[in-house]
Amino acid sequence: MFLEQYRAGFEEQLLLAIDRMGEKSRLRDACEYALLSGGKRLRPVIVLMTADAIGLGLDVYPAAMSVEFFHTASLIADDLPCMDNDSLRRKRPSLHRVFGENLAILASYTLIAEGYGGIRLNQEKMKAVPSCSENASEVALLCLQFATLCGGMQGATHGQFLDLYPPDQSWKTAQRTIIQKTSTLFEISFLFGWLFGGGKTAFLPELRSCARHLGMAFQIADDLEDHAHEIKTGKMNAAFLLGKEKAQLLFTQELNSFRGSLQKLGLWTSPFQELYELLNCCIHK
């Protein structure tokens, strides 16, 4: 219920954000196709839920857009023939299948740039609030720092590299890949929501830990669901590397650690409780 309400609100704002990208063109159409391909919108929703849990009533929609733009850009790149070579994304033809590889690459570049632009937009939103204006520039710089960290050589880009070229087929390598490729986008979701929502910087290490627990639980659940398919494609999979029973146990441990972190941070609100139950149900269908 809560997640769907947040998702619906985000979808409305996303249409406005697409219009603000500039005049209609084949490139903008490609960005729009990728952005409107469905999905749970979990990462931008986490931005919104985190800020709402802090309770200062600050507008974090530009930051939520940034996270979705970064995420969508990564999916476009992942689907390319030179990467995972996926012809479908959420039961629709992948972007490069509809618009061609050239436009798919340009759309990915565009969304990354728009994502960084969203940080500036949210800085301006924060500056307009008298009680938060003094901290707006510092917050924007921190968000810029974490977006770069989580997207680059220590984050999602290197995670994709490990996915393509794993040095071995060990759980240790798979775990590192998950942390860098999956957890990092959850990190910026929590960090953007927390910082632009007016949260204190002293809690950033716990926020990053919280996101890593969520990312690990999220990916293990996905691996358990895709177990048979991943074995066929030769990709590393938690269920295959650990065995289904151990993978399910690790999922439970990570999910419980996620809940513990939320409670420490004061984020154990009804929306986050709903997210916790949703993930728990995925594994105990």
C-alpha atoms as a PDB file:
ATOM      1  CA  MET A   1       0.000   0.000   0.000  1.00  0.00           C
ATOM      2  CA  PHE A   2       2.639   2.553   1.070  1.00  0.00           C
ATOM      3  CA  LEU A   3       5.118   1.482  -1.600  1.00  0.00           C
ATOM      4  CA  GLU A   4       2.501   1.768  -4.332  1.00  0.00           C
ATOM      5  CA  GLN A   5       1.531   5.267  -3.166  1.00  0.00           C
ATOM      6  CA  TYR A   6       5.149   6.384  -3.282  1.00  0.00           C
ATOM      7  CA  ARG A   7       5.587   4.757  -6.673  1.00  0.00           C
ATOM      8  CA  ALA A   8       2.514   6.503  -8.092  1.00  0.00           C
ATOM      9  CA  GLY A   9       3.734   9.892  -6.858  1.00  0.00           C
ATOM     10  CA  PHE A  10       7.144   9.280  -8.365  1.00  0.00           C
ATOM     11  CA  GLU A  11       5.685   8.270 -11.737  1.00  0.00           C
ATOM     12  CA  GLU A  12       3.845  11.620 -11.945  1.00  0.00           C
ATOM     13  CA  GLN A  13       7.022  13.557 -11.233  1.00  0.00           C
ATOM     14  CA  LEU A  14       9.010  11.423 -13.676  1.00  0.00           C
ATOM     15  CA  LEU A  15       6.809  12.499 -16.592  1.00  0.00           C
ATOM     16  CA  LEU A  16       7.499  16.132 -15.699  1.00  0.00           C
ATOM     17  CA  ALA A  17      11.229  15.431 -15.437  1.00  0.00           C
ATOM     18  CA  ILE A  18      11.269  13.882 -18.921  1.00  0.00           C
ATOM     19  CA  ASP A  19       9.577  17.000 -20.322  1.00  0.00           C
ATOM     20  CA  ARG A  20      12.290  19.139 -18.704  1.00  0.00           C
ATOM     21  CA  MET A  21      15.048  17.236 -20.526  1.00  0.00           C
ATOM     22  CA  GLY A  22      14.599  19.397 -23.612  1.00  0.00           C
ATOM     23  CA  GLU A  23      12.881  19.407 -26.951  1.00  0.00           C
ATOM     24  CA  LYS A  24      11.465  16.184 -28.296  1.00  0.00           C
ATOM     25  CA  SER A  25      13.929  14.200 -30.396  1.00  0.00           C
ATOM     26  CA  ARG A  26      14.840  10.624 -31.167  1.00  0.00           C
ATOM     27  CA  LEU A  27      17.347  10.736 -28.291  1.00  0.00           C
ATOM     28  CA  ARG A  28      14.773  12.020 -25.828  1.00  0.00           C
ATOM     29  CA  ASP A  29      12.373   9.343 -27.077  1.00  0.00           C
ATOM     30  CA  ALA A  30      15.028   6.728 -26.292  1.00  0.00           C
ATOM     31  CA  CYS A  31      15.475   8.095 -22.766  1.00  0.00           C
ATOM     32  CA  GLU A  32      11.709   8.137 -22.291  1.00  0.00           C
ATOM     33  CA  TYR A  33      11.355   4.557 -23.535  1.00  0.00           C
ATOM     34  CA  ALA A  34      13.990   3.368 -21.071  1.00  0.00           C
ATOM     35  CA  LEU A  35      12.609   5.360 -18.134  1.00  0.00           C
ATOM     36  CA  LEU A  36       9.008   4.289 -18.713  1.00  0.00           C
ATOM     37  CA  SER A  37       9.729   0.577 -19.060  1.00  0.00           C
ATOM     38  CA  GLY A  38       8.096  -0.199 -15.718  1.00  0.00           C
ATOM     39  CA  GLY A  39       9.844  -1.588 -12.686  1.00  0.00           C
ATOM     40  CA  LYS A  40       9.178  -1.271  -8.986  1.00  0.00           C
ATOM     41  CA  ARG A  41      10.968   2.110  -8.698  1.00  0.00           C
ATOM     42  CA  LEU A  42      12.386   0.790  -5.438  1.00  0.00           C
ATOM     43  CA  ARG A  43      15.505   2.953  -5.416  1.00  0.00           C
ATOM     44  CA  PRO A  44      13.810   6.352  -5.876  1.00  0.00           C
ATOM     45  CA  VAL A  45      11.049   5.280  -3.492  1.00  0.00           C
ATOM     46  CA  ILE A  46      13.711   4.624  -0.838  1.00  0.00           C
ATOM     47  CA  VAL A  47      14.923   8.224  -1.318  1.00  0.00           C
ATOM     48  CA  LEU A  48      11.398   9.483  -0.669  1.00  0.00           C
ATOM     49  CA  MET A  49      10.696   7.156   2.268  1.00  0.00           C
ATOM     50  CA  THR A  50      13.994   8.016   3.953  1.00  0.00           C
ATOM     51  CA  ALA A  51      13.365  11.755   3.745  1.00  0.00           C
ATOM     52  CA  ASP A  52       9.780  11.331   4.988  1.00  0.00           C
ATOM     53  CA  ALA A  53      11.018   9.283   7.962  1.00  0.00           C
ATOM     54  CA  ILE A  54      13.246  12.199   9.009  1.00  0.00           C
ATOM     55  CA  GLY A  55      10.129  14.321   9.064  1.00  0.00           C
ATOM     56  CA  LEU A  56      11.330  17.777   8.017  1.00  0.00           C
ATOM     57  CA  GLY A  57       9.077  17.854   4.963  1.00  0.00           C
ATOM     58  CA  LEU A  58      11.892  18.601   2.497  1.00  0.00           C
ATOM     59  CA  ASP A  59      11.388  18.029  -1.234  1.00  0.00           C
ATOM     60  CA  VAL A  60      13.725  15.260  -2.431  1.00  0.00           C
ATOM     61  CA  TYR A  61      12.109  14.466  -5.792  1.00  0.00           C
ATOM     62  CA  PRO A  62      15.094  15.739  -7.823  1.00  0.00           C
ATOM     63  CA  ALA A  63      17.378  13.406  -5.851  1.00  0.00           C
ATOM     64  CA  ALA A  64      14.947  10.528  -6.364  1.00  0.00           C
ATOM     65  CA  MET A  65      15.039  11.264 -10.112  1.00  0.00           C
ATOM     66  CA  SER A  66      18.837  11.213 -10.018  1.00  0.00           C
ATOM     67  CA  VAL A  67      18.861   7.723  -8.558  1.00  0.00           C
ATOM     68  CA  GLU A  68      16.383   6.449 -11.154  1.00  0.00           C
ATOM     69  CA  PHE A  69      18.392   8.053 -13.969  1.00  0.00           C
ATOM     70  CA  PHE A  70      21.611   6.425 -12.729  1.00  0.00           C
ATOM     71  CA  HIS A  71      19.868   3.069 -12.365  1.00  0.00           C
ATOM     72  CA  THR A  72      18.254   3.211 -15.810  1.00  0.00           C
ATOM     73  CA  ALA A  73      21.553   4.239 -17.424  1.00  0.00           C
ATOM     74  CA  SER A  74      23.205   1.178 -15.897  1.00  0.00           C
ATOM     75  CA  LEU A  75      20.448  -1.110 -17.187  1.00  0.00           C
ATOM     76  CA  ILE A  76      20.780   0.279 -20.722  1.00  0.00           C
ATOM     77  CA  ALA A  77      24.519  -0.420 -20.655  1.00  0.00           C
ATOM     78  CA  ASP A  78      24.104  -3.867 -19.093  1.00  0.00           C
ATOM     79  CA  ASP A  79      21.709  -4.953 -21.863  1.00  0.00           C
ATOM     80  CA  LEU A  80      24.026  -4.030 -24.748  1.00  0.00           C
ATOM     81  CA  PRO A  81      25.370  -6.848 -26.962  1.00  0.00           C
ATOM     82  CA  CYS A  82      28.916  -6.108 -25.767  1.00  0.00           C
ATOM     83  CA  MET A  83      27.803  -6.567 -22.142  1.00  0.00           C
ATOM     84  CA  ASP A  84      25.055  -9.006 -21.075  1.00  0.00           C
ATOM     85  CA  ASN A  85      23.455  -9.064 -24.537  1.00  0.00           C
ATOM     86  CA  ASP A  86      19.877  -9.089 -23.251  1.00  0.00           C
ATOM     87  CA  SER A  87      17.149  -8.641 -25.845  1.00  0.00           C
ATOM     88  CA  LEU A  88      14.406  -8.069 -23.266  1.00  0.00           C
ATOM     89  CA  ARG A  89      14.080  -5.749 -20.282  1.00  0.00           C
ATOM     90  CA  ARG A  90      10.959  -6.143 -18.129  1.00  0.00           C
ATOM     91  CA  LYS A  91       9.241  -8.145 -20.882  1.00  0.00           C
ATOM     92  CA  ARG A  92       9.806  -5.409 -23.489  1.00  0.00           C
ATOM     93  CA  PRO A  93      12.522  -5.213 -26.166  1.00  0.00           C
ATOM     94  CA  SER A  94      15.719  -3.738 -24.733  1.00  0.00           C
ATOM     95  CA  LEU A  95      16.469  -0.156 -25.681  1.00  0.00           C
ATOM     96  CA  HIS A  96      19.169  -1.047 -28.228  1.00  0.00           C
ATOM     97  CA  ARG A  97      16.743  -3.445 -29.936  1.00  0.00           C
ATOM     98  CA  VAL A  98      14.284  -0.600 -30.556  1.00  0.00           C
ATOM     99  CA  PHE A  99      16.537   2.434 -31.064  1.00  0.00           C
ATOM    100  CA  GLY A 100      19.863   0.870 -32.034  1.00  0.00           C
ATOM    101  CA  GLU A 101      23.124   0.608 -30.129  1.00  0.00           C
ATOM    102  CA  ASN A 102      24.287   4.155 -30.943  1.00  0.00           C
ATOM    103  CA  LEU A 103      21.222   5.798 -29.421  1.00  0.00           C
ATOM    104  CA  ALA A 104      21.219   3.369 -26.493  1.00  0.00           C
ATOM    105  CA  ILE A 105      24.752   4.457 -25.584  1.00  0.00           C
ATOM    106  CA  LEU A 106      23.863   8.128 -25.990  1.00  0.00           C
ATOM    107  CA  ALA A 107      20.738   7.660 -23.858  1.00  0.00           C
ATOM    108  CA  SER A 108      22.870   6.097 -21.129  1.00  0.00           C
ATOM    109  CA  TYR A 109      25.268   9.074 -21.245  1.00  0.00           C
ATOM    110  CA  THR A 110      22.342  11.487 -21.159  1.00  0.00           C
ATOM    111  CA  LEU A 111      20.767   9.894 -18.100  1.00  0.00           C
ATOM    112  CA  ILE A 112      24.052   9.888 -16.185  1.00  0.00           C
ATOM    113  CA  ALA A 113      24.439  13.618 -16.894  1.00  0.00           C
ATOM    114  CA  GLU A 114      20.815  14.279 -15.906  1.00  0.00           C
ATOM    115  CA  GLY A 115      21.413  12.316 -12.709  1.00  0.00           C
ATOM    116  CA  TYR A 116      24.231  14.603 -11.665  1.00  0.00           C
ATOM    117  CA  GLY A 117      22.101  17.580 -12.641  1.00  0.00           C
ATOM    118  CA  GLY A 118      19.440  16.402 -10.197  1.00  0.00           C
ATOM    119  CA  ILE A 119      21.891  16.880  -7.336  1.00  0.00           C
ATOM    120  CA  ARG A 120      22.186  20.563  -8.240  1.00  0.00           C
ATOM    121  CA  LEU A 121      18.415  20.902  -8.555  1.00  0.00           C
ATOM    122  CA  ASN A 122      17.904  19.438  -5.092  1.00  0.00           C
ATOM    123  CA  GLN A 123      20.564  21.765  -3.721  1.00  0.00           C
ATOM    124  CA  GLU A 124      18.470  24.695  -4.979  1.00  0.00           C
ATOM    125  CA  LYS A 125      15.350  23.190  -3.383  1.00  0.00           C
ATOM    126  CA  MET A 126      17.184  22.918  -0.071  1.00  0.00           C
ATOM    127  CA  LYS A 127      18.561  26.459  -0.309  1.00  0.00           C
ATOM    128  CA  ALA A 128      15.017  27.762  -0.571  1.00  0.00           C
ATOM    129  CA  VAL A 129      14.219  26.415   2.929  1.00  0.00           C
ATOM    130  CA  PRO A 130      15.541  28.950   5.485  1.00  0.00           C
ATOM    131  CA  SER A 131      16.301  26.387   8.190  1.00  0.00           C
ATOM    132  CA  CYS A 132      18.390  24.271   5.778  1.00  0.00           C
ATOM    133  CA  SER A 133      19.893  26.833   3.393  1.00  0.00           C
ATOM    134  CA  GLU A 134      23.272  27.004   5.144  1.00  0.00           C
ATOM    135  CA  ASN A 135      23.828  23.248   4.742  1.00  0.00           C
ATOM    136  CA  ALA A 136      22.626  22.941   1.136  1.00  0.00           C
ATOM    137  CA  SER A 137      26.028  23.294  -0.527  1.00  0.00           C
ATOM    138  CA  GLU A 138      27.726  20.853   1.857  1.00  0.00           C
ATOM    139  CA  VAL A 139      24.926  18.330   1.338  1.00  0.00           C
ATOM    140  CA  ALA A 140      25.174  18.631  -2.455  1.00  0.00           C
ATOM    141  CA  LEU A 141      28.936  18.102  -2.359  1.00  0.00           C
ATOM    142  CA  LEU A 142      28.515  14.997  -0.204  1.00  0.00           C
ATOM    143  CA  CYS A 143      25.888  13.615  -2.581  1.00  0.00           C
ATOM    144  CA  LEU A 144      28.175  14.342  -5.536  1.00  0.00           C
ATOM    145  CA  GLN A 145      30.998  12.539  -3.754  1.00  0.00           C
ATOM    146  CA  PHE A 146      28.903   9.466  -2.990  1.00  0.00           C
ATOM    147  CA  ALA A 147      27.351   9.340  -6.470  1.00  0.00           C
ATOM    148  CA  THR A 148      30.842   9.322  -7.969  1.00  0.00           C
ATOM    149  CA  LEU A 149      32.125   6.768  -5.468  1.00  0.00           C
ATOM    150  CA  CYS A 150      29.168   4.427  -5.917  1.00  0.00           C
ATOM    151  CA  GLY A 151      29.172   4.695  -9.690  1.00  0.00           C
ATOM    152  CA  GLY A 152      32.877   4.389 -10.458  1.00  0.00           C
ATOM    153  CA  MET A 153      35.835   2.096  -9.861  1.00  0.00           C
ATOM    154  CA  GLN A 154      34.755   1.317  -6.302  1.00  0.00           C
ATOM    155  CA  GLY A 155      31.122   0.928  -7.263  1.00  0.00           C
ATOM    156  CA  ALA A 156      28.737  -0.141 -10.003  1.00  0.00           C
ATOM    157  CA  THR A 157      31.119   0.204 -12.969  1.00  0.00           C
ATOM    158  CA  HIS A 158      33.697  -2.067 -11.378  1.00  0.00           C
ATOM    159  CA  GLY A 159      30.896  -4.381 -10.258  1.00  0.00           C
ATOM    160  CA  GLN A 160      29.869  -4.810 -13.904  1.00  0.00           C
ATOM    161  CA  PHE A 161      33.520  -5.431 -14.786  1.00  0.00           C
ATOM    162  CA  LEU A 162      33.683  -8.221 -12.194  1.00  0.00           C
ATOM    163  CA  ASP A 163      30.421  -9.636 -13.531  1.00  0.00           C
ATOM    164  CA  LEU A 164      31.903  -9.789 -17.043  1.00  0.00           C
ATOM    165  CA  TYR A 165      35.412 -10.860 -16.055  1.00  0.00           C
ATOM    166  CA  PRO A 166      35.329 -12.673 -12.683  1.00  0.00           C
ATOM    167  CA  PRO A 167      38.824 -13.747 -11.559  1.00  0.00           C
ATOM    168  CA  ASP A 168      37.301 -16.957 -10.215  1.00  0.00           C
ATOM    169  CA  GLN A 169      33.951 -18.587  -9.489  1.00  0.00           C
ATOM    170  CA  SER A 170      34.104 -18.142  -5.723  1.00  0.00           C
ATOM    171  CA  TRP A 171      31.457 -16.796  -3.390  1.00  0.00           C
ATOM    172  CA  LYS A 172      33.955 -14.140  -2.268  1.00  0.00           C
ATOM    173  CA  THR A 173      34.080 -12.733  -5.806  1.00  0.00           C
ATOM    174  CA  ALA A 174      30.310 -12.993  -6.181  1.00  0.00           C
ATOM    175  CA  GLN A 175      29.846 -11.183  -2.870  1.00  0.00           C
ATOM    176  CA  ARG A 176      32.133  -8.344  -3.951  1.00  0.00           C
ATOM    177  CA  THR A 177      30.270  -8.100  -7.262  1.00  0.00           C
ATOM    178  CA  ILE A 178      26.927  -7.814  -5.454  1.00  0.00           C
ATOM    179  CA  ILE A 179      28.222  -5.142  -3.079  1.00  0.00           C
ATOM    180  CA  GLN A 180      29.634  -3.049  -5.920  1.00  0.00           C
ATOM    181  CA  LYS A 181      26.997  -3.621  -8.588  1.00  0.00           C
ATOM    182  CA  THR A 182      23.784  -3.864  -6.557  1.00  0.00           C
ATOM    183  CA  SER A 183      24.326  -2.390  -3.110  1.00  0.00           C
ATOM    184  CA  THR A 184      25.927   0.846  -4.301  1.00  0.00           C
ATOM    185  CA  LEU A 185      22.728   2.096  -5.945  1.00  0.00           C
ATOM    186  CA  PHE A 186      20.863   1.384  -2.715  1.00  0.00           C
ATOM    187  CA  GLU A 187      23.606   3.331  -0.913  1.00  0.00           C
ATOM    188  CA  ILE A 188      22.995   6.496  -2.890  1.00  0.00           C
ATOM    189  CA  SER A 189      19.239   6.009  -2.457  1.00  0.00           C
ATOM    190  CA  PHE A 190      19.555   6.062   1.329  1.00  0.00           C
ATOM    191  CA  LEU A 191      22.263   8.736   1.351  1.00  0.00           C
ATOM    192  CA  PHE A 192      20.406  11.103  -0.989  1.00  0.00           C
ATOM    193  CA  GLY A 193      17.162  10.721   0.943  1.00  0.00           C
ATOM    194  CA  TRP A 194      18.902  11.159   4.263  1.00  0.00           C
ATOM    195  CA  LEU A 195      21.102  14.128   3.349  1.00  0.00           C
ATOM    196  CA  PHE A 196      18.594  16.087   1.276  1.00  0.00           C
ATOM    197  CA  GLY A 197      15.953  15.157   3.842  1.00  0.00           C
ATOM    198  CA  GLY A 198      17.955  16.979   6.537  1.00  0.00           C
ATOM    199  CA  GLY A 199      19.540  13.995   8.304  1.00  0.00           C
ATOM    200  CA  LYS A 200      22.764  14.273  10.307  1.00  0.00           C
ATOM    201  CA  THR A 201      26.048  13.288   8.636  1.00  0.00           C
ATOM    202  CA  ALA A 202      27.185  11.328  11.704  1.00  0.00           C
ATOM    203  CA  PHE A 203      24.897   8.481  10.632  1.00  0.00           C
ATOM    204  CA  LEU A 204      26.309   8.035   7.110  1.00  0.00           C
ATOM    205  CA  PRO A 205      28.403   4.923   7.922  1.00  0.00           C
ATOM    206  CA  GLU A 206      25.332   3.170   9.370  1.00  0.00           C
ATOM    207  CA  LEU A 207      23.296   4.198   6.323  1.00  0.00           C
ATOM    208  CA  ARG A 208      25.856   2.654   3.994  1.00  0.00           C
ATOM    209  CA  SER A 209      25.844  -0.523   6.065  1.00  0.00           C
ATOM    210  CA  CYS A 210      22.044  -0.593   5.963  1.00  0.00           C
ATOM    211  CA  ALA A 211      22.101  -0.305   2.166  1.00  0.00           C
ATOM    212  CA  ARG A 212      24.633  -3.100   1.839  1.00  0.00           C
ATOM    213  CA  HIS A 213      22.471  -5.460   3.859  1.00  0.00           C
ATOM    214  CA  LEU A 214      19.500  -4.591   1.659  1.00  0.00           C
ATOM    215  CA  GLY A 215      21.512  -5.012  -1.527  1.00  0.00           C
ATOM    216  CA  MET A 216      22.787  -8.419  -0.470  1.00  0.00           C
ATOM    217  CA  ALA A 217      19.334  -9.644   0.566  1.00  0.00           C
ATOM    218  CA  PHE A 218      17.792  -8.246  -2.621  1.00  0.00           C
ATOM    219  CA  GLN A 219      20.339  -9.947  -4.891  1.00  0.00           C
ATOM    220  CA  ILE A 220      20.236 -13.304  -3.086  1.00  0.00           C
ATOM    221  CA  ALA A 221      16.454 -13.327  -3.423  1.00  0.00           C
ATOM    222  CA  ASP A 222      16.844 -12.572  -7.126  1.00  0.00           C
ATOM    223  CA  ASP A 223      19.484 -15.304  -7.485  1.00  0.00           C
ATOM    224  CA  LEU A 224      17.263 -17.873  -5.820  1.00  0.00           C
ATOM    225  CA  GLU A 225      14.482 -17.018  -8.253  1.00  0.00           C
ATOM    226  CA  ASP A 226      16.818 -17.122 -11.285  1.00  0.00           C
ATOM    227  CA  HIS A 227      18.819 -20.145 -10.136  1.00  0.00           C
ATOM    228  CA  ALA A 228      18.184 -22.408 -13.133  1.00  0.00           C
ATOM    229  CA  HIS A 229      18.596 -19.635 -15.722  1.00  0.00           C
ATOM    230  CA  GLU A 230      21.883 -18.375 -14.272  1.00  0.00           C
ATOM    231  CA  ILE A 231      23.403 -21.864 -14.334  1.00  0.00           C
ATOM    232  CA  LYS A 232      22.583 -22.126 -18.049  1.00  0.00           C
ATOM    233  CA  THR A 233      24.192 -18.763 -18.847  1.00  0.00           C
ATOM    234  CA  GLY A 234      27.255 -19.472 -16.702  1.00  0.00           C
ATOM    235  CA  LYS A 235      26.792 -16.391 -14.494  1.00  0.00           C
ATOM    236  CA  MET A 236      27.697 -16.463 -10.835  1.00  0.00           C
ATOM    237  CA  ASN A 237      24.718 -17.108  -8.616  1.00  0.00           C
ATOM    238  CA  ALA A 238      24.447 -17.223  -4.818  1.00  0.00           C
ATOM    239  CA  ALA A 239      22.154 -20.250  -4.858  1.00  0.00           C
ATOM    240  CA  PHE A 240      24.572 -22.167  -7.070  1.00  0.00           C
ATOM    241  CA  LEU A 241      27.755 -21.149  -5.224  1.00  0.00           C
ATOM    242  CA  LEU A 242      26.398 -21.599  -1.686  1.00  0.00           C
ATOM    243  CA  GLY A 243      23.600 -24.079  -2.251  1.00  0.00           C
ATOM    244  CA  LYS A 244      19.964 -23.091  -1.913  1.00  0.00           C
ATOM    245  CA  GLU A 245      19.743 -23.813   1.813  1.00  0.00           C
ATOM    246  CA  LYS A 246      22.800 -21.707   2.723  1.00  0.00           C
ATOM    247  CA  ALA A 247      21.697 -18.958   0.356  1.00  0.00           C
ATOM    248  CA  GLN A 248      18.289 -18.822   2.030  1.00  0.00           C
ATOM    249  CA  LEU A 249      19.943 -18.684   5.456  1.00  0.00           C
ATOM    250  CA  LEU A 250      22.236 -15.846   4.351  1.00  0.00           C
ATOM    251  CA  PHE A 251      19.232 -14.006   2.906  1.00  0.00           C
ATOM    252  CA  THR A 252      17.484 -14.189   6.279  1.00  0.00           C
ATOM    253  CA  GLN A 253      20.600 -12.957   8.097  1.00  0.00           C
ATOM    254  CA  GLU A 254      21.051 -10.009   5.725  1.00  0.00           C
ATOM    255  CA  LEU A 255      17.370  -9.090   5.853  1.00  0.00           C
ATOM    256  CA  ASN A 256      17.385  -9.140   9.662  1.00  0.00           C
ATOM    257  CA  SER A 257      20.533  -7.002   9.679  1.00  0.00           C
ATOM    258  CA  PHE A 258      18.758  -4.596   7.337  1.00  0.00           C
ATOM    259  CA  ARG A 259      15.868  -4.363   9.783  1.00  0.00           C
ATOM    260  CA  GLY A 260      18.271  -3.801  12.677  1.00  0.00           C
ATOM    261  CA  SER A 261      19.981  -0.950  10.827  1.00  0.00           C
ATOM    262  CA  LEU A 262      16.643   0.675  10.017  1.00  0.00           C
ATOM    263  CA  GLN A 263      15.695   0.533  13.698  1.00  0.00           C
ATOM    264  CA  LYS A 264      19.011   2.107  14.782  1.00  0.00           C
ATOM    265  CA  LEU A 265      18.566   4.904  12.259  1.00  0.00           C
ATOM    266  CA  GLY A 266      14.975   5.632  13.246  1.00  0.00           C
ATOM    267  CA  LEU A 267      13.781   4.488   9.803  1.00  0.00           C
ATOM    268  CA  TRP A 268      11.645   1.567  10.964  1.00  0.00           C
ATOM    269  CA  THR A 269       8.513   3.280   9.685  1.00  0.00           C
ATOM    270  CA  SER A 270       5.420   1.653   8.192  1.00  0.00           C
ATOM    271  CA  PRO A 271       6.675   2.015   4.581  1.00  0.00           C
ATOM    272  CA  PHE A 272      10.009   0.388   5.430  1.00  0.00           C
ATOM    273  CA  GLN A 273       8.245  -2.331   7.391  1.00  0.00           C
ATOM    274  CA  GLU A 274       6.173  -3.013   4.277  1.00  0.00           C
ATOM    275  CA  LEU A 275       9.366  -3.261   2.213  1.00  0.00           C
ATOM    276  CA  TYR A 276      10.844  -5.685   4.743  1.00  0.00           C
ATOM    277  CA  GLU A 277       7.747  -7.905   4.622  1.00  0.00           C
ATOM    278  CA  LEU A 278       7.672  -7.779   0.832  1.00  0.00           C
ATOM    279  CA  LEU A 279      11.241  -9.035   0.619  1.00  0.00           C
ATOM    280  CA  ASN A 280      10.615 -11.663   3.278  1.00  0.00           C
ATOM    281  CA  CYS A 281       7.606 -12.959   1.330  1.00  0.00           C
ATOM    282  CA  CYS A 282       9.695 -13.275  -1.842  1.00  0.00           C
ATOM    283  CA  ILE A 283      11.780 -15.995  -0.249  1.00  0.00           C
ATOM    284  CA  HIS A 284       8.968 -17.726   1.644  1.00  0.00           C
ATOM    285  CA  LYS A 285       6.368 -18.030  -1.087  1.00  0.00           C
END
